[in-house]
Amino acid sequence: MGSVQVAEAKANFSAILKDVRAGNEYIITSGQRREPVGVLVPYEAWKKRQPRIAGTLADRGELVFADDWEMTDEELCGYEPARR
């Protein structure tokens, strides 16, 4: 991952964009202290980092378990021990 100042990024944007398309990432920095302000990443890499939404009913309901509710790991996974 490279680091580039804003002015340099503006001046060499086409070359930097070509590198990004090739899979490289750049941190954009600003000011004398070179504080990071953003990151240029390939679109496919950015797309993979996006959180997945848990189905069409995401954020529309709530699952609450009673305090005395118990289930073993085997029951949760649907595991049944082999019968002899």
C-alpha atoms as a PDB file:
ATOM      1  CA  MET A   1       0.000   0.000   0.000  1.00  0.00           C
ATOM      2  CA  GLY A   2       1.506   3.307  -1.079  1.00  0.00           C
ATOM      3  CA  SER A   3       1.046   6.735   0.396  1.00  0.00           C
ATOM      4  CA  VAL A   4       0.578   9.865  -1.673  1.00  0.00           C
ATOM      5  CA  GLN A   5       0.000  13.546  -0.874  1.00  0.00           C
ATOM      6  CA  VAL A   6      -3.166  15.198  -2.227  1.00  0.00           C
ATOM      7  CA  ALA A   7      -1.220  17.472  -4.610  1.00  0.00           C
ATOM      8  CA  GLU A   8       0.753  14.538  -6.003  1.00  0.00           C
ATOM      9  CA  ALA A   9      -2.438  12.511  -6.377  1.00  0.00           C
ATOM     10  CA  LYS A  10      -4.041  15.343  -8.323  1.00  0.00           C
ATOM     11  CA  ALA A  11      -1.019  15.717 -10.585  1.00  0.00           C
ATOM     12  CA  ASN A  12      -0.637  11.972 -11.253  1.00  0.00           C
ATOM     13  CA  PHE A  13      -4.233  10.827 -10.960  1.00  0.00           C
ATOM     14  CA  SER A  14      -4.267   8.832 -14.210  1.00  0.00           C
ATOM     15  CA  ALA A  15      -1.113   6.900 -13.283  1.00  0.00           C
ATOM     16  CA  ILE A  16      -2.369   6.261  -9.743  1.00  0.00           C
ATOM     17  CA  LEU A  17      -5.725   5.103 -11.088  1.00  0.00           C
ATOM     18  CA  LYS A  18      -3.924   2.709 -13.424  1.00  0.00           C
ATOM     19  CA  ASP A  19      -2.064   1.266 -10.415  1.00  0.00           C
ATOM     20  CA  VAL A  20      -5.315   0.945  -8.487  1.00  0.00           C
ATOM     21  CA  ARG A  21      -6.887  -0.960 -11.377  1.00  0.00           C
ATOM     22  CA  ALA A  22      -3.873  -3.308 -11.210  1.00  0.00           C
ATOM     23  CA  GLY A  23      -4.717  -4.081  -7.564  1.00  0.00           C
ATOM     24  CA  ASN A  24      -2.607  -1.558  -5.639  1.00  0.00           C
ATOM     25  CA  GLU A  25      -3.968   0.580  -2.816  1.00  0.00           C
ATOM     26  CA  TYR A  26      -3.022   4.167  -1.929  1.00  0.00           C
ATOM     27  CA  ILE A  27      -3.454   6.160   1.266  1.00  0.00           C
ATOM     28  CA  ILE A  28      -4.177   9.815   0.456  1.00  0.00           C
ATOM     29  CA  THR A  29      -2.483  12.141   2.944  1.00  0.00           C
ATOM     30  CA  SER A  30      -2.836  15.871   3.528  1.00  0.00           C
ATOM     31  CA  GLY A  31      -0.920  18.695   5.151  1.00  0.00           C
ATOM     32  CA  GLN A  32       2.580  18.983   6.513  1.00  0.00           C
ATOM     33  CA  ARG A  33       1.899  16.221   9.017  1.00  0.00           C
ATOM     34  CA  ARG A  34       0.716  13.951   6.199  1.00  0.00           C
ATOM     35  CA  GLU A  35      -2.474  12.994   7.990  1.00  0.00           C
ATOM     36  CA  PRO A  36      -4.383  10.189   6.252  1.00  0.00           C
ATOM     37  CA  VAL A  37      -7.675  11.421   4.783  1.00  0.00           C
ATOM     38  CA  GLY A  38      -8.717   8.601   2.483  1.00  0.00           C
ATOM     39  CA  VAL A  39      -7.815   5.408   0.697  1.00  0.00           C
ATOM     40  CA  LEU A  40      -7.980   4.492  -2.981  1.00  0.00           C
ATOM     41  CA  VAL A  41      -8.668   0.778  -3.369  1.00  0.00           C
ATOM     42  CA  PRO A  42      -9.736  -1.373  -6.330  1.00  0.00           C
ATOM     43  CA  TYR A  43     -13.505  -1.578  -6.600  1.00  0.00           C
ATOM     44  CA  GLU A  44     -13.596  -5.369  -6.176  1.00  0.00           C
ATOM     45  CA  ALA A  45     -11.580  -5.148  -2.940  1.00  0.00           C
ATOM     46  CA  TRP A  46     -13.888  -2.411  -1.625  1.00  0.00           C
ATOM     47  CA  LYS A  47     -16.972  -4.410  -2.583  1.00  0.00           C
ATOM     48  CA  LYS A  48     -15.719  -7.435  -0.597  1.00  0.00           C
ATOM     49  CA  ARG A  49     -15.246  -5.273   2.510  1.00  0.00           C
ATOM     50  CA  GLN A  50     -18.868  -4.135   2.579  1.00  0.00           C
ATOM     51  CA  PRO A  51     -20.962  -5.701   5.343  1.00  0.00           C
ATOM     52  CA  ARG A  52     -23.576  -8.162   4.212  1.00  0.00           C
ATOM     53  CA  ILE A  53     -27.210  -7.559   5.012  1.00  0.00           C
ATOM     54  CA  ALA A  54     -28.821 -10.573   6.652  1.00  0.00           C
ATOM     55  CA  GLY A  55     -31.695 -11.111   4.256  1.00  0.00           C
ATOM     56  CA  THR A  56     -34.722  -9.053   3.355  1.00  0.00           C
ATOM     57  CA  LEU A  57     -35.947  -8.854   6.951  1.00  0.00           C
ATOM     58  CA  ALA A  58     -32.706  -7.428   8.347  1.00  0.00           C
ATOM     59  CA  ASP A  59     -33.279  -4.750  11.002  1.00  0.00           C
ATOM     60  CA  ARG A  60     -37.005  -5.454  11.025  1.00  0.00           C
ATOM     61  CA  GLY A  61     -37.230  -7.798  13.946  1.00  0.00           C
ATOM     62  CA  GLU A  62     -35.592  -8.888  17.125  1.00  0.00           C
ATOM     63  CA  LEU A  63     -34.689 -12.280  18.541  1.00  0.00           C
ATOM     64  CA  VAL A  64     -34.782 -12.472  22.321  1.00  0.00           C
ATOM     65  CA  PHE A  65     -33.989 -15.520  24.438  1.00  0.00           C
ATOM     66  CA  ALA A  66     -35.387 -15.975  27.943  1.00  0.00           C
ATOM     67  CA  ASP A  67     -32.832 -15.917  30.747  1.00  0.00           C
ATOM     68  CA  ASP A  68     -33.555 -19.563  31.602  1.00  0.00           C
ATOM     69  CA  TRP A  69     -33.378 -20.804  28.010  1.00  0.00           C
ATOM     70  CA  GLU A  70     -30.688 -23.426  27.460  1.00  0.00           C
ATOM     71  CA  MET A  71     -29.473 -25.346  24.442  1.00  0.00           C
ATOM     72  CA  THR A  72     -26.338 -27.408  23.989  1.00  0.00           C
ATOM     73  CA  ASP A  73     -23.995 -26.822  21.075  1.00  0.00           C
ATOM     74  CA  GLU A  74     -25.055 -30.183  19.632  1.00  0.00           C
ATOM     75  CA  GLU A  75     -28.732 -29.215  19.747  1.00  0.00           C
ATOM     76  CA  LEU A  76     -27.974 -25.862  18.132  1.00  0.00           C
ATOM     77  CA  CYS A  77     -26.073 -27.501  15.267  1.00  0.00           C
ATOM     78  CA  GLY A  78     -28.621 -30.275  14.837  1.00  0.00           C
ATOM     79  CA  TYR A  79     -26.040 -32.902  15.745  1.00  0.00           C
ATOM     80  CA  GLU A  80     -27.355 -36.295  16.733  1.00  0.00           C
ATOM     81  CA  PRO A  81     -24.911 -38.811  18.195  1.00  0.00           C
ATOM     82  CA  ALA A  82     -24.580 -42.092  16.349  1.00  0.00           C
ATOM     83  CA  ARG A  83     -26.876 -44.795  17.673  1.00  0.00           C
ATOM     84  CA  ARG A  84     -25.383 -48.154  18.674  1.00  0.00           C
END
